[in-house]
Each structure stands twice: as structure tokens, then as C-alpha cells.
Amino acid sequence: MKKILLTVLLFLSLMVCFTSPAGAGGLDDAKAGLAALNGRNYDEAIRLCNKAIESGELSQADLAITYYNRGLAWVHKGDADKAIVDFTKAIAINPMDGLAYYDRGCSWGKKGDNDKAFADYTKAIEINPKHASSYYNRGLIWYDKGNYDRAIADFTRVIEINPKHANAYDARSYCWEAKGEYDKADADYDKADELMK
């Protein structure tokens, strides 16, 4: 449900972000590519994004968005390598695109490169200090590294941003347990369980 809502919000926000003149062929293809992405037709989204990029008609801002959207299509098709290439191109054009850093971090994570994922989540947080998912994913990496205090800090930040983030309570409970603070672990586990019902 969260993923669907995120996709809808992303669709609406990116539709506003396209800046090229109306009627431009490349822009029409970029918008159609976004619609295909939103409709889960990932092959068509990639085809249309390719066409838009190759048109040479997109503004720099629209080009960055189109690379980002094509990266998302590659993510959905399970090709982390191609997704990373496209997110990197989007970032090169727009270094303040926190979502591109976040999604590239997720792609690095799928490839098992937690150091690069960690760096991208941290950059996404620098750009948008209220991006709960970046804190959450970075917290998971801290946990894997055995740095429970830093993991707790990141999961706590997630909860401050979104008090109904059940997974953050659950993850934080494991950190408390690893530190031997069982009362806090139980409290977080119970809160996670309550939110998941």
C-alpha cells in the first residue's frame, strides 16, 4: 500500500516538474513514459524514456527526471546495474535530487554494496532531512555493522518523522535487545505489533 501511494505521489509531483515547452515531442514521450511507469508497464516506460532522451528536446531538468524515471523502471524489472547508471546520470544533471540518491542507494543495497548504499542514504538525508526511508535503510546498515547506538538514532529519527512507522519500532527493538535493554526492546516490539494490526 505504501509503495502504491509513493508511486501515485511521485507521479503527481513529477508531472508538475516537467518544464519543457508544451507540445515538444520529447516531453510528450517523457510524460507518456511516466504514465507507463505509473501503470506498471516497465518495458514501455523504458522505450518511451529512451525516445525522450534521444530526442535531444528535453530541458536539463526534464532530462534528469526522465533518467530517474527510467531508473525506476529498471528497478522494477530487477536490473540494479542499469538503474544505478540512470540514477547516476540524473544526479549528474541535478545533484540536489535526494530521491535519486535514495533509489540509487537501494540499488546498491540490492547488489550487496552497503558502503555505497550508506553513502547515498546519507546524501539523501543531507538534501532532505525528513526522508524517513533513508534514515530507516541507513539504520539497517548500522545494525548490520553492529553499531546499535547509531542504528537506534536513525530508527528514532524515522519515528519522529512518522510515528506510525511500524518497521522502525520493530528494527529498533532488535537494537535494544542486542544492547541488553530488554524493557525498551519489549516496548518497541509491542508498539510495532500494535501498528501492524
N, C-alpha and C. Protein backbone atom coordinates (compact mmCIF):
# COMPACT_ATOMS: atom_id res chain seq x y z
N MET A 1 0.82 -1.19 0.00
CA MET A 1 0.00 0.00 0.00
C MET A 1 0.87 1.26 0.00
N LYS A 2 1.95 1.26 0.86
CA LYS A 2 2.84 2.42 0.91
C LYS A 2 3.51 2.64 -0.43
N LYS A 3 3.90 1.54 -1.12
CA LYS A 3 4.60 1.63 -2.40
C LYS A 3 3.67 2.23 -3.45
N ILE A 4 2.38 1.80 -3.44
CA ILE A 4 1.42 2.34 -4.39
C ILE A 4 1.21 3.82 -4.15
N LEU A 5 1.06 4.21 -2.88
CA LEU A 5 0.87 5.62 -2.54
C LEU A 5 2.08 6.44 -2.96
N LEU A 6 3.29 5.91 -2.72
CA LEU A 6 4.50 6.60 -3.11
C LEU A 6 4.55 6.79 -4.62
N THR A 7 4.15 5.75 -5.37
CA THR A 7 4.16 5.84 -6.83
C THR A 7 3.18 6.89 -7.31
N VAL A 8 1.98 6.93 -6.70
CA VAL A 8 0.99 7.94 -7.09
C VAL A 8 1.50 9.34 -6.78
N LEU A 9 2.05 9.53 -5.59
CA LEU A 9 2.59 10.84 -5.23
C LEU A 9 3.74 11.23 -6.12
N LEU A 10 4.59 10.27 -6.44
CA LEU A 10 5.72 10.53 -7.33
C LEU A 10 5.20 10.93 -8.70
N PHE A 11 4.17 10.22 -9.19
CA PHE A 11 3.58 10.54 -10.48
C PHE A 11 3.07 11.97 -10.50
N LEU A 12 2.32 12.34 -9.46
CA LEU A 12 1.76 13.69 -9.41
C LEU A 12 2.84 14.75 -9.29
N SER A 13 3.85 14.50 -8.46
CA SER A 13 4.90 15.50 -8.28
C SER A 13 5.75 15.66 -9.52
N LEU A 14 6.04 14.56 -10.21
CA LEU A 14 6.89 14.66 -11.40
C LEU A 14 6.15 15.27 -12.56
N MET A 15 4.84 15.10 -12.64
CA MET A 15 4.08 15.72 -13.72
C MET A 15 4.22 17.24 -13.64
N VAL A 16 4.30 17.76 -12.44
CA VAL A 16 4.46 19.20 -12.25
C VAL A 16 5.89 19.62 -12.58
N CYS A 17 6.85 18.72 -12.41
CA CYS A 17 8.25 19.07 -12.56
C CYS A 17 8.70 19.22 -14.00
N PHE A 18 8.01 18.62 -14.97
CA PHE A 18 8.43 18.76 -16.35
C PHE A 18 8.32 20.22 -16.75
N THR A 19 9.38 20.74 -17.40
CA THR A 19 9.43 22.18 -17.67
C THR A 19 9.56 22.55 -19.14
N SER A 20 9.77 21.57 -20.01
CA SER A 20 9.93 21.89 -21.43
C SER A 20 8.63 22.44 -21.99
N PRO A 21 8.72 23.17 -23.11
CA PRO A 21 7.52 23.76 -23.70
C PRO A 21 6.50 22.69 -24.06
N ALA A 22 5.21 23.06 -23.92
CA ALA A 22 4.13 22.15 -24.27
C ALA A 22 4.23 21.80 -25.75
N GLY A 23 3.90 20.56 -26.06
CA GLY A 23 3.89 20.14 -27.44
C GLY A 23 5.22 19.60 -27.93
N ALA A 24 6.26 19.72 -27.13
CA ALA A 24 7.57 19.19 -27.53
C ALA A 24 7.48 17.67 -27.57
N GLY A 25 7.94 17.07 -28.68
CA GLY A 25 7.84 15.62 -28.84
C GLY A 25 8.54 14.86 -27.74
N GLY A 26 9.75 15.31 -27.39
CA GLY A 26 10.49 14.64 -26.33
C GLY A 26 9.77 14.70 -25.01
N LEU A 27 9.17 15.82 -24.72
CA LEU A 27 8.45 15.97 -23.46
C LEU A 27 7.21 15.09 -23.45
N ASP A 28 6.52 15.01 -24.59
CA ASP A 28 5.35 14.13 -24.67
C ASP A 28 5.74 12.68 -24.41
N ASP A 29 6.87 12.27 -24.98
CA ASP A 29 7.36 10.90 -24.74
C ASP A 29 7.75 10.71 -23.29
N ALA A 30 8.38 11.72 -22.69
CA ALA A 30 8.76 11.63 -21.28
C ALA A 30 7.53 11.48 -20.39
N LYS A 31 6.49 12.27 -20.67
CA LYS A 31 5.26 12.18 -19.88
C LYS A 31 4.57 10.83 -20.09
N ALA A 32 4.57 10.36 -21.34
CA ALA A 32 3.98 9.04 -21.62
C ALA A 32 4.78 7.94 -20.94
N GLY A 33 6.10 8.11 -20.87
CA GLY A 33 6.94 7.15 -20.17
C GLY A 33 6.61 7.10 -18.69
N LEU A 34 6.37 8.28 -18.10
CA LEU A 34 5.99 8.34 -16.69
C LEU A 34 4.65 7.67 -16.48
N ALA A 35 3.70 7.90 -17.41
CA ALA A 35 2.39 7.25 -17.30
C ALA A 35 2.53 5.73 -17.40
N ALA A 36 3.39 5.25 -18.29
CA ALA A 36 3.62 3.81 -18.42
C ALA A 36 4.26 3.26 -17.14
N LEU A 37 5.19 4.01 -16.56
CA LEU A 37 5.81 3.61 -15.29
C LEU A 37 4.75 3.50 -14.21
N ASN A 38 3.89 4.51 -14.12
CA ASN A 38 2.83 4.52 -13.13
C ASN A 38 1.85 3.37 -13.36
N GLY A 39 1.67 2.99 -14.63
CA GLY A 39 0.78 1.87 -14.97
C GLY A 39 1.47 0.52 -14.92
N ARG A 40 2.71 0.50 -14.44
CA ARG A 40 3.49 -0.73 -14.26
C ARG A 40 3.84 -1.42 -15.58
N ASN A 41 3.85 -0.66 -16.66
CA ASN A 41 4.27 -1.20 -17.95
C ASN A 41 5.72 -0.77 -18.15
N TYR A 42 6.62 -1.49 -17.53
CA TYR A 42 8.01 -1.04 -17.42
C TYR A 42 8.77 -1.08 -18.74
N ASP A 43 8.49 -2.05 -19.58
CA ASP A 43 9.15 -2.09 -20.88
C ASP A 43 8.76 -0.87 -21.72
N GLU A 44 7.48 -0.54 -21.69
CA GLU A 44 7.02 0.63 -22.44
C GLU A 44 7.58 1.91 -21.83
N ALA A 45 7.68 1.96 -20.52
CA ALA A 45 8.26 3.14 -19.86
C ALA A 45 9.70 3.33 -20.31
N ILE A 46 10.45 2.25 -20.37
CA ILE A 46 11.85 2.34 -20.80
C ILE A 46 11.93 2.79 -22.26
N ARG A 47 11.08 2.20 -23.12
CA ARG A 47 11.08 2.57 -24.53
C ARG A 47 10.78 4.06 -24.72
N LEU A 48 9.78 4.55 -24.00
CA LEU A 48 9.39 5.96 -24.15
C LEU A 48 10.44 6.89 -23.55
N CYS A 49 11.02 6.50 -22.44
CA CYS A 49 12.10 7.31 -21.85
C CYS A 49 13.30 7.36 -22.79
N ASN A 50 13.63 6.22 -23.40
CA ASN A 50 14.72 6.20 -24.38
C ASN A 50 14.45 7.20 -25.50
N LYS A 51 13.23 7.15 -26.00
CA LYS A 51 12.83 8.03 -27.11
C LYS A 51 12.94 9.50 -26.69
N ALA A 52 12.46 9.80 -25.49
CA ALA A 52 12.52 11.18 -24.99
C ALA A 52 13.96 11.64 -24.84
N ILE A 53 14.80 10.79 -24.28
CA ILE A 53 16.21 11.15 -24.07
C ILE A 53 16.91 11.36 -25.40
N GLU A 54 16.66 10.46 -26.34
CA GLU A 54 17.32 10.54 -27.65
C GLU A 54 16.82 11.70 -28.50
N SER A 55 15.66 12.27 -28.16
CA SER A 55 15.10 13.37 -28.95
C SER A 55 15.97 14.62 -28.91
N GLY A 56 16.70 14.80 -27.81
CA GLY A 56 17.50 16.00 -27.63
C GLY A 56 16.66 17.24 -27.38
N GLU A 57 15.37 17.06 -27.12
CA GLU A 57 14.44 18.18 -26.95
C GLU A 57 14.16 18.53 -25.49
N LEU A 58 14.67 17.74 -24.57
CA LEU A 58 14.33 17.97 -23.16
C LEU A 58 15.25 19.02 -22.54
N SER A 59 14.67 19.80 -21.64
CA SER A 59 15.48 20.70 -20.82
C SER A 59 16.34 19.83 -19.90
N GLN A 60 17.35 20.42 -19.29
CA GLN A 60 18.20 19.67 -18.36
C GLN A 60 17.38 19.10 -17.22
N ALA A 61 16.44 19.89 -16.70
CA ALA A 61 15.60 19.42 -15.59
C ALA A 61 14.76 18.22 -16.02
N ASP A 62 14.16 18.29 -17.21
CA ASP A 62 13.33 17.19 -17.68
C ASP A 62 14.17 15.96 -18.02
N LEU A 63 15.38 16.20 -18.49
CA LEU A 63 16.28 15.09 -18.80
C LEU A 63 16.62 14.32 -17.52
N ALA A 64 16.90 15.06 -16.44
CA ALA A 64 17.20 14.43 -15.15
C ALA A 64 16.02 13.60 -14.67
N ILE A 65 14.81 14.15 -14.80
CA ILE A 65 13.60 13.44 -14.37
C ILE A 65 13.41 12.17 -15.20
N THR A 66 13.67 12.27 -16.49
CA THR A 66 13.47 11.13 -17.38
C THR A 66 14.48 10.02 -17.10
N TYR A 67 15.73 10.39 -16.84
CA TYR A 67 16.71 9.38 -16.42
C TYR A 67 16.26 8.72 -15.11
N TYR A 68 15.78 9.53 -14.18
CA TYR A 68 15.31 8.99 -12.90
C TYR A 68 14.16 8.01 -13.13
N ASN A 69 13.19 8.41 -13.95
CA ASN A 69 12.04 7.53 -14.21
C ASN A 69 12.47 6.23 -14.88
N ARG A 70 13.40 6.33 -15.82
CA ARG A 70 13.88 5.10 -16.47
C ARG A 70 14.61 4.23 -15.44
N GLY A 71 15.34 4.87 -14.53
CA GLY A 71 15.98 4.12 -13.45
C GLY A 71 14.97 3.35 -12.62
N LEU A 72 13.84 3.99 -12.31
CA LEU A 72 12.79 3.30 -11.54
C LEU A 72 12.24 2.11 -12.32
N ALA A 73 12.09 2.28 -13.64
CA ALA A 73 11.61 1.15 -14.45
C ALA A 73 12.59 -0.01 -14.39
N TRP A 74 13.89 0.30 -14.46
CA TRP A 74 14.90 -0.76 -14.35
C TRP A 74 14.82 -1.42 -12.98
N VAL A 75 14.59 -0.63 -11.92
CA VAL A 75 14.44 -1.21 -10.57
C VAL A 75 13.31 -2.24 -10.58
N HIS A 76 12.18 -1.85 -11.14
CA HIS A 76 11.02 -2.76 -11.15
C HIS A 76 11.27 -4.00 -12.01
N LYS A 77 12.15 -3.89 -12.98
CA LYS A 77 12.50 -5.05 -13.81
C LYS A 77 13.62 -5.88 -13.18
N GLY A 78 14.15 -5.42 -12.05
CA GLY A 78 15.17 -6.18 -11.33
C GLY A 78 16.58 -5.99 -11.85
N ASP A 79 16.82 -4.91 -12.60
CA ASP A 79 18.17 -4.67 -13.14
C ASP A 79 18.82 -3.51 -12.37
N ALA A 80 19.46 -3.86 -11.27
CA ALA A 80 20.06 -2.84 -10.40
C ALA A 80 21.19 -2.10 -11.11
N ASP A 81 21.95 -2.80 -11.96
CA ASP A 81 23.07 -2.15 -12.64
C ASP A 81 22.60 -1.02 -13.55
N LYS A 82 21.59 -1.29 -14.36
CA LYS A 82 21.07 -0.25 -15.27
C LYS A 82 20.40 0.86 -14.48
N ALA A 83 19.74 0.51 -13.38
CA ALA A 83 19.12 1.52 -12.53
C ALA A 83 20.18 2.46 -11.98
N ILE A 84 21.28 1.91 -11.50
CA ILE A 84 22.36 2.73 -10.94
C ILE A 84 22.91 3.69 -11.99
N VAL A 85 23.08 3.21 -13.22
CA VAL A 85 23.58 4.07 -14.30
C VAL A 85 22.63 5.25 -14.51
N ASP A 86 21.33 4.97 -14.55
CA ASP A 86 20.37 6.05 -14.80
C ASP A 86 20.25 7.01 -13.61
N PHE A 87 20.25 6.48 -12.40
CA PHE A 87 20.20 7.37 -11.23
C PHE A 87 21.45 8.25 -11.17
N THR A 88 22.58 7.68 -11.54
CA THR A 88 23.83 8.44 -11.56
C THR A 88 23.77 9.57 -12.59
N LYS A 89 23.18 9.29 -13.75
CA LYS A 89 23.00 10.33 -14.77
C LYS A 89 22.07 11.43 -14.27
N ALA A 90 21.00 11.03 -13.60
CA ALA A 90 20.06 12.02 -13.05
C ALA A 90 20.77 12.90 -12.02
N ILE A 91 21.59 12.30 -11.17
CA ILE A 91 22.32 13.04 -10.14
C ILE A 91 23.35 13.97 -10.76
N ALA A 92 24.00 13.53 -11.84
CA ALA A 92 24.99 14.38 -12.50
C ALA A 92 24.35 15.65 -13.03
N ILE A 93 23.10 15.56 -13.48
CA ILE A 93 22.39 16.73 -14.00
C ILE A 93 21.81 17.54 -12.86
N ASN A 94 21.26 16.85 -11.86
CA ASN A 94 20.64 17.54 -10.72
C ASN A 94 21.17 16.94 -9.41
N PRO A 95 22.30 17.48 -8.92
CA PRO A 95 22.91 16.94 -7.70
C PRO A 95 22.07 17.10 -6.44
N MET A 96 20.96 17.83 -6.52
CA MET A 96 20.11 18.01 -5.35
C MET A 96 18.88 17.10 -5.39
N ASP A 97 18.91 16.07 -6.22
CA ASP A 97 17.79 15.13 -6.32
C ASP A 97 17.96 14.04 -5.26
N GLY A 98 17.39 14.30 -4.10
CA GLY A 98 17.51 13.36 -2.99
C GLY A 98 16.92 12.00 -3.28
N LEU A 99 15.82 11.95 -4.04
CA LEU A 99 15.21 10.66 -4.36
C LEU A 99 16.12 9.81 -5.24
N ALA A 100 16.86 10.45 -6.14
CA ALA A 100 17.79 9.70 -6.99
C ALA A 100 18.89 9.07 -6.13
N TYR A 101 19.39 9.83 -5.14
CA TYR A 101 20.38 9.26 -4.22
C TYR A 101 19.77 8.09 -3.44
N TYR A 102 18.55 8.29 -2.94
CA TYR A 102 17.89 7.23 -2.16
C TYR A 102 17.71 5.97 -3.01
N ASP A 103 17.15 6.13 -4.20
CA ASP A 103 16.89 4.95 -5.03
C ASP A 103 18.18 4.31 -5.52
N ARG A 104 19.21 5.12 -5.76
CA ARG A 104 20.49 4.52 -6.12
C ARG A 104 21.04 3.73 -4.92
N GLY A 105 20.85 4.28 -3.72
CA GLY A 105 21.27 3.56 -2.51
C GLY A 105 20.57 2.21 -2.39
N CYS A 106 19.27 2.19 -2.68
CA CYS A 106 18.53 0.93 -2.64
C CYS A 106 19.08 -0.06 -3.66
N SER A 107 19.45 0.46 -4.84
CA SER A 107 20.01 -0.41 -5.88
C SER A 107 21.37 -0.94 -5.47
N TRP A 108 22.20 -0.08 -4.86
CA TRP A 108 23.49 -0.57 -4.33
C TRP A 108 23.24 -1.65 -3.29
N GLY A 109 22.23 -1.44 -2.44
CA GLY A 109 21.90 -2.42 -1.42
C GLY A 109 21.52 -3.77 -2.02
N LYS A 110 20.76 -3.73 -3.11
CA LYS A 110 20.38 -4.98 -3.77
C LYS A 110 21.59 -5.71 -4.32
N LYS A 111 22.63 -4.97 -4.67
CA LYS A 111 23.86 -5.57 -5.17
C LYS A 111 24.80 -5.99 -4.03
N GLY A 112 24.40 -5.68 -2.78
CA GLY A 112 25.21 -6.06 -1.63
C GLY A 112 26.32 -5.09 -1.30
N ASP A 113 26.30 -3.90 -1.91
CA ASP A 113 27.34 -2.90 -1.63
C ASP A 113 26.79 -1.90 -0.61
N ASN A 114 26.87 -2.30 0.66
CA ASN A 114 26.29 -1.47 1.72
C ASN A 114 27.05 -0.17 1.95
N ASP A 115 28.33 -0.14 1.63
CA ASP A 115 29.07 1.11 1.81
C ASP A 115 28.58 2.20 0.84
N LYS A 116 28.37 1.82 -0.41
CA LYS A 116 27.85 2.80 -1.38
C LYS A 116 26.39 3.15 -1.06
N ALA A 117 25.62 2.15 -0.63
CA ALA A 117 24.24 2.41 -0.24
C ALA A 117 24.21 3.40 0.93
N PHE A 118 25.06 3.16 1.92
CA PHE A 118 25.14 4.03 3.09
C PHE A 118 25.45 5.47 2.68
N ALA A 119 26.43 5.64 1.79
CA ALA A 119 26.81 6.99 1.33
C ALA A 119 25.64 7.67 0.64
N ASP A 120 24.90 6.93 -0.17
CA ASP A 120 23.77 7.54 -0.88
C ASP A 120 22.63 7.88 0.07
N TYR A 121 22.35 7.03 1.05
CA TYR A 121 21.31 7.35 2.03
C TYR A 121 21.69 8.60 2.82
N THR A 122 22.96 8.70 3.17
CA THR A 122 23.43 9.86 3.92
C THR A 122 23.27 11.13 3.09
N LYS A 123 23.60 11.06 1.81
CA LYS A 123 23.45 12.23 0.94
C LYS A 123 21.98 12.59 0.80
N ALA A 124 21.12 11.58 0.65
CA ALA A 124 19.68 11.84 0.56
C ALA A 124 19.17 12.55 1.81
N ILE A 125 19.69 12.16 2.97
CA ILE A 125 19.31 12.80 4.23
C ILE A 125 19.81 14.24 4.28
N GLU A 126 21.03 14.48 3.79
CA GLU A 126 21.55 15.86 3.75
C GLU A 126 20.64 16.76 2.92
N ILE A 127 20.15 16.22 1.82
CA ILE A 127 19.28 17.01 0.92
C ILE A 127 17.89 17.16 1.52
N ASN A 128 17.37 16.10 2.11
CA ASN A 128 16.04 16.14 2.72
C ASN A 128 16.08 15.47 4.08
N PRO A 129 16.29 16.27 5.13
CA PRO A 129 16.41 15.70 6.49
C PRO A 129 15.14 15.04 7.01
N LYS A 130 14.05 15.08 6.25
CA LYS A 130 12.80 14.44 6.69
C LYS A 130 12.47 13.22 5.84
N HIS A 131 13.46 12.68 5.14
CA HIS A 131 13.22 11.48 4.32
C HIS A 131 13.39 10.23 5.18
N ALA A 132 12.27 9.79 5.72
CA ALA A 132 12.28 8.69 6.70
C ALA A 132 12.89 7.41 6.14
N SER A 133 12.61 7.10 4.88
CA SER A 133 13.11 5.84 4.32
C SER A 133 14.64 5.80 4.26
N SER A 134 15.26 6.95 4.03
CA SER A 134 16.73 6.98 4.02
C SER A 134 17.28 6.70 5.41
N TYR A 135 16.67 7.30 6.43
CA TYR A 135 17.10 7.01 7.81
C TYR A 135 16.90 5.53 8.13
N TYR A 136 15.75 5.00 7.73
CA TYR A 136 15.44 3.61 8.04
C TYR A 136 16.47 2.66 7.41
N ASN A 137 16.71 2.85 6.12
CA ASN A 137 17.66 1.97 5.43
C ASN A 137 19.07 2.13 5.97
N ARG A 138 19.44 3.38 6.30
CA ARG A 138 20.77 3.58 6.87
C ARG A 138 20.85 2.94 8.25
N GLY A 139 19.76 2.99 9.00
CA GLY A 139 19.71 2.34 10.31
C GLY A 139 19.92 0.84 10.20
N LEU A 140 19.36 0.23 9.17
CA LEU A 140 19.57 -1.20 8.95
C LEU A 140 21.04 -1.52 8.71
N ILE A 141 21.71 -0.63 7.97
CA ILE A 141 23.14 -0.85 7.72
C ILE A 141 23.94 -0.69 9.02
N TRP A 142 23.59 0.35 9.82
CA TRP A 142 24.26 0.50 11.12
C TRP A 142 24.07 -0.77 11.95
N TYR A 143 22.85 -1.31 11.94
CA TYR A 143 22.57 -2.53 12.71
C TYR A 143 23.46 -3.68 12.22
N ASP A 144 23.53 -3.85 10.90
CA ASP A 144 24.37 -4.92 10.35
C ASP A 144 25.83 -4.76 10.73
N LYS A 145 26.27 -3.51 10.90
CA LYS A 145 27.66 -3.26 11.28
C LYS A 145 27.88 -3.43 12.78
N GLY A 146 26.78 -3.63 13.52
CA GLY A 146 26.89 -3.80 14.97
C GLY A 146 26.95 -2.49 15.73
N ASN A 147 26.66 -1.38 15.05
CA ASN A 147 26.66 -0.08 15.72
C ASN A 147 25.21 0.24 16.12
N TYR A 148 24.80 -0.35 17.23
CA TYR A 148 23.41 -0.29 17.65
C TYR A 148 22.98 1.11 18.07
N ASP A 149 23.88 1.89 18.67
CA ASP A 149 23.52 3.24 19.08
C ASP A 149 23.17 4.11 17.87
N ARG A 150 23.98 4.00 16.82
CA ARG A 150 23.69 4.80 15.62
C ARG A 150 22.43 4.29 14.93
N ALA A 151 22.24 2.98 14.93
CA ALA A 151 21.02 2.42 14.36
C ALA A 151 19.80 2.93 15.13
N ILE A 152 19.89 2.92 16.45
CA ILE A 152 18.79 3.43 17.28
C ILE A 152 18.51 4.90 16.96
N ALA A 153 19.56 5.68 16.78
CA ALA A 153 19.38 7.10 16.46
C ALA A 153 18.64 7.26 15.14
N ASP A 154 19.00 6.46 14.13
CA ASP A 154 18.31 6.56 12.84
C ASP A 154 16.87 6.08 12.93
N PHE A 155 16.63 4.97 13.61
CA PHE A 155 15.25 4.49 13.74
C PHE A 155 14.40 5.45 14.56
N THR A 156 15.01 6.09 15.56
CA THR A 156 14.29 7.08 16.35
C THR A 156 13.91 8.27 15.49
N ARG A 157 14.81 8.67 14.59
CA ARG A 157 14.51 9.78 13.67
C ARG A 157 13.35 9.41 12.74
N VAL A 158 13.33 8.17 12.29
CA VAL A 158 12.20 7.71 11.46
C VAL A 158 10.90 7.88 12.22
N ILE A 159 10.90 7.44 13.47
CA ILE A 159 9.69 7.50 14.30
C ILE A 159 9.28 8.95 14.56
N GLU A 160 10.26 9.85 14.73
CA GLU A 160 9.93 11.27 14.90
C GLU A 160 9.24 11.82 13.64
N ILE A 161 9.72 11.38 12.48
CA ILE A 161 9.14 11.85 11.22
C ILE A 161 7.78 11.19 10.97
N ASN A 162 7.69 9.89 11.26
CA ASN A 162 6.47 9.13 11.02
C ASN A 162 6.21 8.21 12.20
N PRO A 163 5.45 8.69 13.20
CA PRO A 163 5.21 7.90 14.41
C PRO A 163 4.48 6.57 14.17
N LYS A 164 3.97 6.36 12.96
CA LYS A 164 3.25 5.11 12.67
C LYS A 164 4.10 4.14 11.84
N HIS A 165 5.40 4.36 11.80
CA HIS A 165 6.31 3.51 11.03
C HIS A 165 6.62 2.26 11.85
N ALA A 166 5.79 1.24 11.68
CA ALA A 166 5.89 0.02 12.49
C ALA A 166 7.26 -0.64 12.33
N ASN A 167 7.79 -0.65 11.12
CA ASN A 167 9.08 -1.33 10.90
C ASN A 167 10.22 -0.66 11.66
N ALA A 168 10.13 0.65 11.85
CA ALA A 168 11.18 1.34 12.61
C ALA A 168 11.15 0.92 14.08
N TYR A 169 9.94 0.81 14.63
CA TYR A 169 9.83 0.32 16.02
C TYR A 169 10.38 -1.11 16.12
N ASP A 170 10.01 -1.94 15.15
CA ASP A 170 10.45 -3.33 15.16
C ASP A 170 11.97 -3.42 15.07
N ALA A 171 12.55 -2.67 14.12
CA ALA A 171 14.01 -2.69 13.95
C ALA A 171 14.71 -2.16 15.21
N ARG A 172 14.15 -1.09 15.78
CA ARG A 172 14.77 -0.53 16.98
C ARG A 172 14.70 -1.52 18.14
N SER A 173 13.63 -2.33 18.18
CA SER A 173 13.53 -3.33 19.26
C SER A 173 14.69 -4.32 19.21
N TYR A 174 15.12 -4.68 17.99
CA TYR A 174 16.26 -5.59 17.86
C TYR A 174 17.55 -4.95 18.36
N CYS A 175 17.66 -3.64 18.12
CA CYS A 175 18.85 -2.92 18.62
C CYS A 175 18.88 -2.90 20.14
N TRP A 176 17.73 -2.57 20.74
CA TRP A 176 17.66 -2.56 22.21
C TRP A 176 17.99 -3.94 22.77
N GLU A 177 17.46 -4.97 22.11
CA GLU A 177 17.73 -6.34 22.58
C GLU A 177 19.22 -6.66 22.49
N ALA A 178 19.85 -6.25 21.39
CA ALA A 178 21.29 -6.50 21.22
C ALA A 178 22.11 -5.80 22.30
N LYS A 179 21.59 -4.67 22.79
CA LYS A 179 22.27 -3.92 23.85
C LYS A 179 21.89 -4.43 25.25
N GLY A 180 20.99 -5.43 25.32
CA GLY A 180 20.58 -5.97 26.61
C GLY A 180 19.54 -5.12 27.32
N GLU A 181 18.92 -4.18 26.61
CA GLU A 181 17.89 -3.31 27.22
C GLU A 181 16.52 -3.88 26.85
N TYR A 182 16.16 -4.94 27.56
CA TYR A 182 15.01 -5.75 27.18
C TYR A 182 13.67 -5.04 27.40
N ASP A 183 13.56 -4.17 28.40
CA ASP A 183 12.31 -3.44 28.61
C ASP A 183 12.02 -2.54 27.40
N LYS A 184 13.06 -1.85 26.94
CA LYS A 184 12.88 -0.97 25.77
C LYS A 184 12.60 -1.81 24.52
N ALA A 185 13.25 -2.95 24.42
CA ALA A 185 13.01 -3.84 23.27
C ALA A 185 11.57 -4.31 23.26
N ASP A 186 11.07 -4.72 24.43
CA ASP A 186 9.68 -5.18 24.51
C ASP A 186 8.70 -4.07 24.18
N ALA A 187 8.98 -2.86 24.67
CA ALA A 187 8.08 -1.73 24.41
C ALA A 187 8.01 -1.43 22.91
N ASP A 188 9.17 -1.45 22.25
CA ASP A 188 9.17 -1.18 20.81
C ASP A 188 8.51 -2.31 20.03
N TYR A 189 8.76 -3.55 20.45
CA TYR A 189 8.14 -4.69 19.78
C TYR A 189 6.62 -4.60 19.91
N ASP A 190 6.14 -4.27 21.11
CA ASP A 190 4.68 -4.16 21.32
C ASP A 190 4.09 -3.05 20.48
N LYS A 191 4.81 -1.92 20.37
CA LYS A 191 4.32 -0.80 19.56
C LYS A 191 4.27 -1.20 18.08
N ALA A 192 5.29 -1.89 17.61
CA ALA A 192 5.31 -2.35 16.22
C ALA A 192 4.13 -3.29 15.97
N ASP A 193 3.91 -4.21 16.90
CA ASP A 193 2.81 -5.17 16.77
C ASP A 193 1.47 -4.44 16.74
N GLU A 194 1.32 -3.44 17.59
CA GLU A 194 0.07 -2.66 17.64
C GLU A 194 -0.17 -1.94 16.30
N LEU A 195 0.89 -1.37 15.74
CA LEU A 195 0.74 -0.63 14.48
C LEU A 195 0.50 -1.53 13.29
N MET A 196 0.96 -2.77 13.37
CA MET A 196 0.79 -3.69 12.25
C MET A 196 -0.59 -4.32 12.21
N LYS A 197 -1.37 -4.16 13.28
CA LYS A 197 -2.71 -4.77 13.34
C LYS A 197 -3.70 -3.97 12.52
